[in-house]
């Protein structure tokens, strides 16, 4: 089965901290020796990563469609061999709908855009390139990072949970639609993991006693990537996946076949 060791050039979006940064380093360390490109907003972090042998592109993906198209054009111009993309950039905010006057809708819209819309947009722009590589026999991979909160939402962070549910649903749909191509989806589904993500919600100290250590999480993810697992649910996410999601791929396939027959 095709897996991450078949990747020749990997882009990790949102790689200046947390899961993205550690995952990029782990992929770079594979014996298959892929080129690994990291992108993010913070140039000083990118400079640090460049010293470890990673390629870098400075870009804030929380952008409009035109800017994202320009980013993809620049990426493929510099690295035409890109065959794998990890979507790690995300933010998480808390909202209290019992106090609607306190909701910052601009922040809400921005969270929706970064966590979901930009990913859909980038996938749309990348697929023609991936199809061309696939026709030449090169396996290509899209790696969305979802969350166990996409299965059972955290009511304190409703927008984040909704975006991860949408991304999980998209991964299931793409897996079905692309099954006859050389483009594969490998969805990464974290539980609560050690990450700077929680700084945006201001609750790092509160959740730190419960989170899964980052190194342990990435180790388990890499094992799944090396197996070529379609869904890589780790820790608590694995328990929830088994309880609520197992068998859904077969349902999606059966529904698609029924739709085609109408």
C-alpha atoms as a PDB file:
ATOM      1  CA  UNK A   1       0.000   0.000   0.000  1.00  0.00           C
ATOM      2  CA  UNK A   2       1.263   3.486  -0.863  1.00  0.00           C
ATOM      3  CA  UNK A   3       2.473   5.371   2.196  1.00  0.00           C
ATOM      4  CA  UNK A   4       4.520   8.348   3.350  1.00  0.00           C
ATOM      5  CA  UNK A   5       7.789   6.646   2.388  1.00  0.00           C
ATOM      6  CA  UNK A   6       6.700   7.003  -1.253  1.00  0.00           C
ATOM      7  CA  UNK A   7       6.619  10.797  -0.915  1.00  0.00           C
ATOM      8  CA  UNK A   8       9.445  12.625  -2.638  1.00  0.00           C
ATOM      9  CA  UNK A   9       8.540  16.202  -1.686  1.00  0.00           C
ATOM     10  CA  UNK A  10       6.304  17.153   1.249  1.00  0.00           C
ATOM     11  CA  UNK A  11       4.816  20.545   2.114  1.00  0.00           C
ATOM     12  CA  UNK A  12       3.751  21.055   5.736  1.00  0.00           C
ATOM     13  CA  UNK A  13       1.474  24.091   6.100  1.00  0.00           C
ATOM     14  CA  UNK A  14       1.502  25.618   9.565  1.00  0.00           C
ATOM     15  CA  UNK A  15       4.845  24.136  10.572  1.00  0.00           C
ATOM     16  CA  UNK A  16       6.381  26.824  12.766  1.00  0.00           C
ATOM     17  CA  UNK A  17       5.076  25.243  15.988  1.00  0.00           C
ATOM     18  CA  UNK A  18       3.332  22.275  17.548  1.00  0.00           C
ATOM     19  CA  UNK A  19       2.160  19.296  15.541  1.00  0.00           C
ATOM     20  CA  UNK A  20       3.200  20.727  12.173  1.00  0.00           C
ATOM     21  CA  UNK A  21       6.762  21.493  13.262  1.00  0.00           C
ATOM     22  CA  UNK A  22       7.392  18.127  14.907  1.00  0.00           C
ATOM     23  CA  UNK A  23       5.708  16.210  12.097  1.00  0.00           C
ATOM     24  CA  UNK A  24       7.823  18.018   9.497  1.00  0.00           C
ATOM     25  CA  UNK A  25      11.004  17.051  11.349  1.00  0.00           C
ATOM     26  CA  UNK A  26       9.882  13.418  11.620  1.00  0.00           C
ATOM     27  CA  UNK A  27       9.043  13.173   7.914  1.00  0.00           C
ATOM     28  CA  UNK A  28      12.394  14.780   7.069  1.00  0.00           C
ATOM     29  CA  UNK A  29      14.139  12.093   9.141  1.00  0.00           C
ATOM     30  CA  UNK A  30      12.646   9.210   7.124  1.00  0.00           C
ATOM     31  CA  UNK A  31      15.224   6.922   5.459  1.00  0.00           C
ATOM     32  CA  UNK A  32      13.477   7.659   2.143  1.00  0.00           C
ATOM     33  CA  UNK A  33      14.956  11.180   2.469  1.00  0.00           C
ATOM     34  CA  UNK A  34      12.095  13.313   1.105  1.00  0.00           C
ATOM     35  CA  UNK A  35      12.455  17.034   0.542  1.00  0.00           C
ATOM     36  CA  UNK A  36      10.371  18.747   3.237  1.00  0.00           C
ATOM     37  CA  UNK A  37       9.076  22.290   2.803  1.00  0.00           C
ATOM     38  CA  UNK A  38       7.606  24.145   5.762  1.00  0.00           C
ATOM     39  CA  UNK A  39       5.391  27.203   5.548  1.00  0.00           C
ATOM     40  CA  UNK A  40       4.151  29.592   8.201  1.00  0.00           C
ATOM     41  CA  UNK A  41       3.733  33.220   9.195  1.00  0.00           C
ATOM     42  CA  UNK A  42       6.707  33.676  11.505  1.00  0.00           C
ATOM     43  CA  UNK A  43       9.923  34.237   9.594  1.00  0.00           C
ATOM     44  CA  UNK A  44      12.136  33.816  12.659  1.00  0.00           C
ATOM     45  CA  UNK A  45      10.711  30.321  13.209  1.00  0.00           C
ATOM     46  CA  UNK A  46      11.214  29.471   9.546  1.00  0.00           C
ATOM     47  CA  UNK A  47      14.829  30.617   9.796  1.00  0.00           C
ATOM     48  CA  UNK A  48      15.319  28.196  12.695  1.00  0.00           C
ATOM     49  CA  UNK A  49      13.857  25.350  10.662  1.00  0.00           C
ATOM     50  CA  UNK A  50      15.991  26.186   7.631  1.00  0.00           C
ATOM     51  CA  UNK A  51      19.078  25.517   9.753  1.00  0.00           C
ATOM     52  CA  UNK A  52      17.875  21.922  10.215  1.00  0.00           C
ATOM     53  CA  UNK A  53      17.811  21.274   6.469  1.00  0.00           C
ATOM     54  CA  UNK A  54      14.163  22.062   5.757  1.00  0.00           C
ATOM     55  CA  UNK A  55      13.045  24.223   2.849  1.00  0.00           C
ATOM     56  CA  UNK A  56      10.897  27.218   3.835  1.00  0.00           C
ATOM     57  CA  UNK A  57       8.184  29.467   2.405  1.00  0.00           C
ATOM     58  CA  UNK A  58       6.831  32.405   4.416  1.00  0.00           C
ATOM     59  CA  UNK A  59       3.071  32.729   3.924  1.00  0.00           C
ATOM     60  CA  UNK A  60      -0.069  33.258   5.991  1.00  0.00           C
ATOM     61  CA  UNK A  61      -2.657  30.851   4.575  1.00  0.00           C
ATOM     62  CA  UNK A  62      -5.529  32.677   6.286  1.00  0.00           C
ATOM     63  CA  UNK A  63      -5.993  34.492   3.002  1.00  0.00           C
ATOM     64  CA  UNK A  64      -8.366  34.958   0.085  1.00  0.00           C
ATOM     65  CA  UNK A  65      -8.611  32.671  -2.940  1.00  0.00           C
ATOM     66  CA  UNK A  66      -6.472  34.895  -5.172  1.00  0.00           C
ATOM     67  CA  UNK A  67      -3.625  34.948  -2.636  1.00  0.00           C
ATOM     68  CA  UNK A  68      -3.857  31.192  -2.175  1.00  0.00           C
ATOM     69  CA  UNK A  69      -3.640  30.658  -5.939  1.00  0.00           C
ATOM     70  CA  UNK A  70      -0.512  32.827  -6.032  1.00  0.00           C
ATOM     71  CA  UNK A  71       0.956  30.773  -3.180  1.00  0.00           C
ATOM     72  CA  UNK A  72       0.333  27.503  -5.036  1.00  0.00           C
ATOM     73  CA  UNK A  73       1.814  28.946  -8.228  1.00  0.00           C
ATOM     74  CA  UNK A  74       4.954  30.017  -6.334  1.00  0.00           C
ATOM     75  CA  UNK A  75       5.176  26.650  -4.576  1.00  0.00           C
ATOM     76  CA  UNK A  76       4.936  24.595  -7.758  1.00  0.00           C
ATOM     77  CA  UNK A  77       7.278  26.937  -9.583  1.00  0.00           C
ATOM     78  CA  UNK A  78       9.957  26.342  -6.959  1.00  0.00           C
ATOM     79  CA  UNK A  79       9.127  22.719  -6.148  1.00  0.00           C
ATOM     80  CA  UNK A  80       7.426  21.007  -9.114  1.00  0.00           C
ATOM     81  CA  UNK A  81       7.958  17.628  -7.459  1.00  0.00           C
ATOM     82  CA  UNK A  82       5.590  18.346  -4.510  1.00  0.00           C
ATOM     83  CA  UNK A  83       3.450  15.241  -4.065  1.00  0.00           C
ATOM     84  CA  UNK A  84       2.273  15.500  -0.452  1.00  0.00           C
ATOM     85  CA  UNK A  85       0.679  18.293   1.581  1.00  0.00           C
ATOM     86  CA  UNK A  86       0.011  18.311   5.326  1.00  0.00           C
ATOM     87  CA  UNK A  87      -2.622  20.832   6.436  1.00  0.00           C
ATOM     88  CA  UNK A  88      -1.620  21.719   9.987  1.00  0.00           C
ATOM     89  CA  UNK A  89      -2.453  25.435  10.259  1.00  0.00           C
ATOM     90  CA  UNK A  90      -5.416  26.104  12.563  1.00  0.00           C
ATOM     91  CA  UNK A  91      -6.678  28.324  15.357  1.00  0.00           C
ATOM     92  CA  UNK A  92      -9.062  27.588  18.200  1.00  0.00           C
ATOM     93  CA  UNK A  93     -11.216  30.118  20.056  1.00  0.00           C
ATOM     94  CA  UNK A  94     -13.878  29.805  22.717  1.00  0.00           C
ATOM     95  CA  UNK A  95     -17.358  31.314  22.274  1.00  0.00           C
ATOM     96  CA  UNK A  96     -20.214  31.656  24.767  1.00  0.00           C
ATOM     97  CA  UNK A  97     -23.553  31.816  22.976  1.00  0.00           C
ATOM     98  CA  UNK A  98     -25.334  32.540  26.259  1.00  0.00           C
ATOM     99  CA  UNK A  99     -23.698  35.962  25.908  1.00  0.00           C
ATOM    100  CA  UNK A 100     -24.120  36.686  22.190  1.00  0.00           C
ATOM    101  CA  UNK A 101     -23.096  40.296  22.668  1.00  0.00           C
ATOM    102  CA  UNK A 102     -19.569  39.080  23.515  1.00  0.00           C
ATOM    103  CA  UNK A 103     -19.082  37.118  20.279  1.00  0.00           C
ATOM    104  CA  UNK A 104     -16.487  38.510  17.894  1.00  0.00           C
ATOM    105  CA  UNK A 105     -17.921  37.438  14.544  1.00  0.00           C
ATOM    106  CA  UNK A 106     -14.843  38.635  12.648  1.00  0.00           C
ATOM    107  CA  UNK A 107     -12.801  36.176  14.697  1.00  0.00           C
ATOM    108  CA  UNK A 108     -15.437  33.494  14.059  1.00  0.00           C
ATOM    109  CA  UNK A 109     -15.291  34.051  10.284  1.00  0.00           C
ATOM    110  CA  UNK A 110     -11.482  34.047  10.361  1.00  0.00           C
ATOM    111  CA  UNK A 111     -11.481  30.723  12.201  1.00  0.00           C
ATOM    112  CA  UNK A 112     -13.861  29.235   9.639  1.00  0.00           C
ATOM    113  CA  UNK A 113     -11.657  30.478   6.823  1.00  0.00           C
ATOM    114  CA  UNK A 114      -8.336  29.217   8.168  1.00  0.00           C
ATOM    115  CA  UNK A 115      -9.546  25.886   9.508  1.00  0.00           C
ATOM    116  CA  UNK A 116     -11.703  24.867   6.548  1.00  0.00           C
ATOM    117  CA  UNK A 117     -12.190  27.211   3.576  1.00  0.00           C
ATOM    118  CA  UNK A 118      -8.470  27.693   2.899  1.00  0.00           C
ATOM    119  CA  UNK A 119      -7.907  23.934   2.989  1.00  0.00           C
ATOM    120  CA  UNK A 120     -10.680  23.287   0.465  1.00  0.00           C
ATOM    121  CA  UNK A 121      -9.293  26.076  -1.715  1.00  0.00           C
ATOM    122  CA  UNK A 122      -5.726  24.785  -1.611  1.00  0.00           C
ATOM    123  CA  UNK A 123      -6.820  21.227  -2.357  1.00  0.00           C
ATOM    124  CA  UNK A 124      -8.763  22.498  -5.367  1.00  0.00           C
ATOM    125  CA  UNK A 125      -5.702  24.335  -6.703  1.00  0.00           C
ATOM    126  CA  UNK A 126      -3.304  21.444  -5.994  1.00  0.00           C
ATOM    127  CA  UNK A 127      -5.309  18.572  -7.461  1.00  0.00           C
ATOM    128  CA  UNK A 128      -4.541  19.244 -11.164  1.00  0.00           C
ATOM    129  CA  UNK A 129      -0.825  19.047 -10.337  1.00  0.00           C
ATOM    130  CA  UNK A 130      -1.333  15.882  -8.289  1.00  0.00           C
ATOM    131  CA  UNK A 131      -3.336  14.252 -11.072  1.00  0.00           C
ATOM    132  CA  UNK A 132      -0.458  14.866 -13.500  1.00  0.00           C
ATOM    133  CA  UNK A 133       2.042  13.310 -11.103  1.00  0.00           C
ATOM    134  CA  UNK A 134      -0.336  10.430 -10.471  1.00  0.00           C
ATOM    135  CA  UNK A 135      -0.641   9.694 -14.177  1.00  0.00           C
ATOM    136  CA  UNK A 136       3.142   9.212 -14.191  1.00  0.00           C
ATOM    137  CA  UNK A 137       2.858   6.660 -11.382  1.00  0.00           C
ATOM    138  CA  UNK A 138       3.773   8.894  -8.449  1.00  0.00           C
ATOM    139  CA  UNK A 139       1.536   8.389  -5.394  1.00  0.00           C
ATOM    140  CA  UNK A 140       0.285  11.708  -4.009  1.00  0.00           C
ATOM    141  CA  UNK A 141      -1.124  12.419  -0.573  1.00  0.00           C
ATOM    142  CA  UNK A 142      -3.385  14.983   1.083  1.00  0.00           C
ATOM    143  CA  UNK A 143      -3.081  14.934   4.872  1.00  0.00           C
ATOM    144  CA  UNK A 144      -5.786  16.975   6.636  1.00  0.00           C
ATOM    145  CA  UNK A 145      -5.408  17.248  10.409  1.00  0.00           C
ATOM    146  CA  UNK A 146      -8.834  17.009  12.001  1.00  0.00           C
ATOM    147  CA  UNK A 147      -9.659  16.318  15.668  1.00  0.00           C
ATOM    148  CA  UNK A 148     -11.671  14.100  17.973  1.00  0.00           C
ATOM    149  CA  UNK A 149     -13.734  17.284  18.480  1.00  0.00           C
ATOM    150  CA  UNK A 150     -14.916  16.743  14.915  1.00  0.00           C
ATOM    151  CA  UNK A 151     -16.604  13.553  16.145  1.00  0.00           C
ATOM    152  CA  UNK A 152     -17.993  14.810  19.463  1.00  0.00           C
ATOM    153  CA  UNK A 153     -17.755  18.612  19.668  1.00  0.00           C
ATOM    154  CA  UNK A 154     -16.277  20.576  22.519  1.00  0.00           C
ATOM    155  CA  UNK A 155     -19.203  22.885  23.234  1.00  0.00           C
ATOM    156  CA  UNK A 156     -16.854  25.587  24.553  1.00  0.00           C
ATOM    157  CA  UNK A 157     -15.164  25.808  21.155  1.00  0.00           C
ATOM    158  CA  UNK A 158     -18.072  25.367  18.725  1.00  0.00           C
ATOM    159  CA  UNK A 159     -16.511  26.907  15.626  1.00  0.00           C
ATOM    160  CA  UNK A 160     -13.312  24.857  15.881  1.00  0.00           C
ATOM    161  CA  UNK A 161     -15.333  21.682  16.426  1.00  0.00           C
ATOM    162  CA  UNK A 162     -17.557  22.469  13.442  1.00  0.00           C
ATOM    163  CA  UNK A 163     -14.587  23.081  11.137  1.00  0.00           C
ATOM    164  CA  UNK A 164     -12.987  19.797  12.152  1.00  0.00           C
ATOM    165  CA  UNK A 165     -16.269  17.951  11.600  1.00  0.00           C
ATOM    166  CA  UNK A 166     -16.513  19.534   8.155  1.00  0.00           C
ATOM    167  CA  UNK A 167     -12.913  18.623   7.357  1.00  0.00           C
ATOM    168  CA  UNK A 168     -13.483  15.030   8.486  1.00  0.00           C
ATOM    169  CA  UNK A 169     -16.558  14.830   6.261  1.00  0.00           C
ATOM    170  CA  UNK A 170     -14.574  16.296   3.360  1.00  0.00           C
ATOM    171  CA  UNK A 171     -11.851  13.687   3.877  1.00  0.00           C
ATOM    172  CA  UNK A 172     -14.433  10.895   3.651  1.00  0.00           C
ATOM    173  CA  UNK A 173     -15.910  12.383   0.471  1.00  0.00           C
ATOM    174  CA  UNK A 174     -12.525  12.927  -1.184  1.00  0.00           C
ATOM    175  CA  UNK A 175     -11.428   9.426  -0.258  1.00  0.00           C
ATOM    176  CA  UNK A 176     -14.439   8.084  -2.158  1.00  0.00           C
ATOM    177  CA  UNK A 177     -14.215  10.463  -5.128  1.00  0.00           C
ATOM    178  CA  UNK A 178     -10.470   9.990  -5.644  1.00  0.00           C
ATOM    179  CA  UNK A 179     -10.313   6.223  -5.094  1.00  0.00           C
ATOM    180  CA  UNK A 180      -9.577   5.545  -8.782  1.00  0.00           C
ATOM    181  CA  UNK A 181      -6.744   8.082  -8.945  1.00  0.00           C
ATOM    182  CA  UNK A 182      -3.234   8.034  -7.525  1.00  0.00           C
ATOM    183  CA  UNK A 183      -4.190  10.686  -4.938  1.00  0.00           C
ATOM    184  CA  UNK A 184      -4.780   9.341  -1.442  1.00  0.00           C
ATOM    185  CA  UNK A 185      -6.224  10.924   1.681  1.00  0.00           C
ATOM    186  CA  UNK A 186      -4.576  10.153   5.021  1.00  0.00           C
ATOM    187  CA  UNK A 187      -6.575  11.929   7.712  1.00  0.00           C
ATOM    188  CA  UNK A 188      -4.739  12.620  10.974  1.00  0.00           C
ATOM    189  CA  UNK A 189      -7.116  12.793  13.952  1.00  0.00           C
ATOM    190  CA  UNK A 190      -5.483  14.086  17.158  1.00  0.00           C
ATOM    191  CA  UNK A 191      -6.910  14.048  20.660  1.00  0.00           C
ATOM    192  CA  UNK A 192      -5.969  16.882  23.033  1.00  0.00           C
ATOM    193  CA  UNK A 193      -2.253  17.262  22.228  1.00  0.00           C
ATOM    194  CA  UNK A 194       0.523  19.447  23.600  1.00  0.00           C
ATOM    195  CA  UNK A 195       0.460  22.484  21.301  1.00  0.00           C
ATOM    196  CA  UNK A 196       0.704  26.257  21.077  1.00  0.00           C
ATOM    197  CA  UNK A 197      -2.784  26.093  19.555  1.00  0.00           C
ATOM    198  CA  UNK A 198      -4.226  26.428  23.046  1.00  0.00           C
ATOM    199  CA  UNK A 199      -2.486  29.765  23.559  1.00  0.00           C
ATOM    200  CA  UNK A 200      -5.051  31.471  21.309  1.00  0.00           C
ATOM    201  CA  UNK A 201      -7.820  30.408  23.674  1.00  0.00           C
ATOM    202  CA  UNK A 202      -5.739  31.317  26.715  1.00  0.00           C
ATOM    203  CA  UNK A 203      -6.245  27.920  28.343  1.00  0.00           C
ATOM    204  CA  UNK A 204      -2.814  26.284  28.023  1.00  0.00           C
ATOM    205  CA  UNK A 205      -2.226  26.013  31.770  1.00  0.00           C
ATOM    206  CA  UNK A 206      -5.685  24.527  32.247  1.00  0.00           C
ATOM    207  CA  UNK A 207      -5.379  21.781  29.624  1.00  0.00           C
ATOM    208  CA  UNK A 208      -1.663  20.967  29.943  1.00  0.00           C
ATOM    209  CA  UNK A 209      -2.304  18.415  32.687  1.00  0.00           C
ATOM    210  CA  UNK A 210      -4.553  16.413  30.343  1.00  0.00           C
ATOM    211  CA  UNK A 211      -2.916  16.612  26.945  1.00  0.00           C
ATOM    212  CA  UNK A 212      -1.029  13.884  25.107  1.00  0.00           C
ATOM    213  CA  UNK A 213       2.713  14.627  24.865  1.00  0.00           C
ATOM    214  CA  UNK A 214       3.564  15.916  21.402  1.00  0.00           C
ATOM    215  CA  UNK A 215       6.449  13.503  20.788  1.00  0.00           C
ATOM    216  CA  UNK A 216       4.291  10.470  21.645  1.00  0.00           C
ATOM    217  CA  UNK A 217       1.503  11.721  19.392  1.00  0.00           C
ATOM    218  CA  UNK A 218       3.791  12.302  16.399  1.00  0.00           C
ATOM    219  CA  UNK A 219       5.467   8.921  16.905  1.00  0.00           C
ATOM    220  CA  UNK A 220       2.081   7.204  16.652  1.00  0.00           C
ATOM    221  CA  UNK A 221       1.086   9.327  13.645  1.00  0.00           C
ATOM    222  CA  UNK A 222       4.292   8.409  11.825  1.00  0.00           C
ATOM    223  CA  UNK A 223       3.582   4.721  12.359  1.00  0.00           C
ATOM    224  CA  UNK A 224       0.182   5.203  10.718  1.00  0.00           C
ATOM    225  CA  UNK A 225       1.663   7.205   7.855  1.00  0.00           C
ATOM    226  CA  UNK A 226       4.239   4.491   7.223  1.00  0.00           C
ATOM    227  CA  UNK A 227       1.450   1.914   7.083  1.00  0.00           C
ATOM    228  CA  UNK A 228      -0.538   4.106   4.705  1.00  0.00           C
ATOM    229  CA  UNK A 229      -3.585   4.221   6.996  1.00  0.00           C
ATOM    230  CA  UNK A 230      -6.476   6.209   5.581  1.00  0.00           C
ATOM    231  CA  UNK A 231      -7.468   7.454   9.035  1.00  0.00           C
ATOM    232  CA  UNK A 232      -4.855   7.861  11.759  1.00  0.00           C
ATOM    233  CA  UNK A 233      -6.758   8.346  15.005  1.00  0.00           C
ATOM    234  CA  UNK A 234      -4.498   8.506  18.055  1.00  0.00           C
ATOM    235  CA  UNK A 235      -5.153   8.260  21.789  1.00  0.00           C
ATOM    236  CA  UNK A 236      -8.667   9.273  22.822  1.00  0.00           C
ATOM    237  CA  UNK A 237      -9.458   9.929  19.165  1.00  0.00           C
ATOM    238  CA  UNK A 238      -8.926   6.241  18.416  1.00  0.00           C
ATOM    239  CA  UNK A 239     -11.515   5.274  21.032  1.00  0.00           C
ATOM    240  CA  UNK A 240     -14.067   7.738  19.666  1.00  0.00           C
ATOM    241  CA  UNK A 241     -13.344   6.709  16.078  1.00  0.00           C
ATOM    242  CA  UNK A 242     -13.960   3.053  16.900  1.00  0.00           C
ATOM    243  CA  UNK A 243     -17.198   3.913  18.702  1.00  0.00           C
ATOM    244  CA  UNK A 244     -18.763   6.395  16.294  1.00  0.00           C
ATOM    245  CA  UNK A 245     -16.969   6.308  12.924  1.00  0.00           C
ATOM    246  CA  UNK A 246     -15.859   2.759  12.185  1.00  0.00           C
ATOM    247  CA  UNK A 247     -17.603   1.493   9.064  1.00  0.00           C
ATOM    248  CA  UNK A 248     -18.551   4.937   7.797  1.00  0.00           C
ATOM    249  CA  UNK A 249     -16.255   4.659   4.756  1.00  0.00           C
ATOM    250  CA  UNK A 250     -18.277   1.657   3.605  1.00  0.00           C
ATOM    251  CA  UNK A 251     -21.508   3.605   4.111  1.00  0.00           C
ATOM    252  CA  UNK A 252     -20.134   6.531   2.093  1.00  0.00           C
ATOM    253  CA  UNK A 253     -19.131   4.163  -0.707  1.00  0.00           C
ATOM    254  CA  UNK A 254     -22.517   2.434  -0.747  1.00  0.00           C
ATOM    255  CA  UNK A 255     -24.320   5.777  -0.777  1.00  0.00           C
ATOM    256  CA  UNK A 256     -22.159   6.980  -3.669  1.00  0.00           C
ATOM    257  CA  UNK A 257     -22.887   3.836  -5.671  1.00  0.00           C
ATOM    258  CA  UNK A 258     -26.599   4.259  -5.041  1.00  0.00           C
ATOM    259  CA  UNK A 259     -26.396   7.917  -6.132  1.00  0.00           C
ATOM    260  CA  UNK A 260     -24.711   6.886  -9.396  1.00  0.00           C
ATOM    261  CA  UNK A 261     -27.503   4.413 -10.103  1.00  0.00           C
ATOM    262  CA  UNK A 262     -30.303   6.985  -9.876  1.00  0.00           C
END
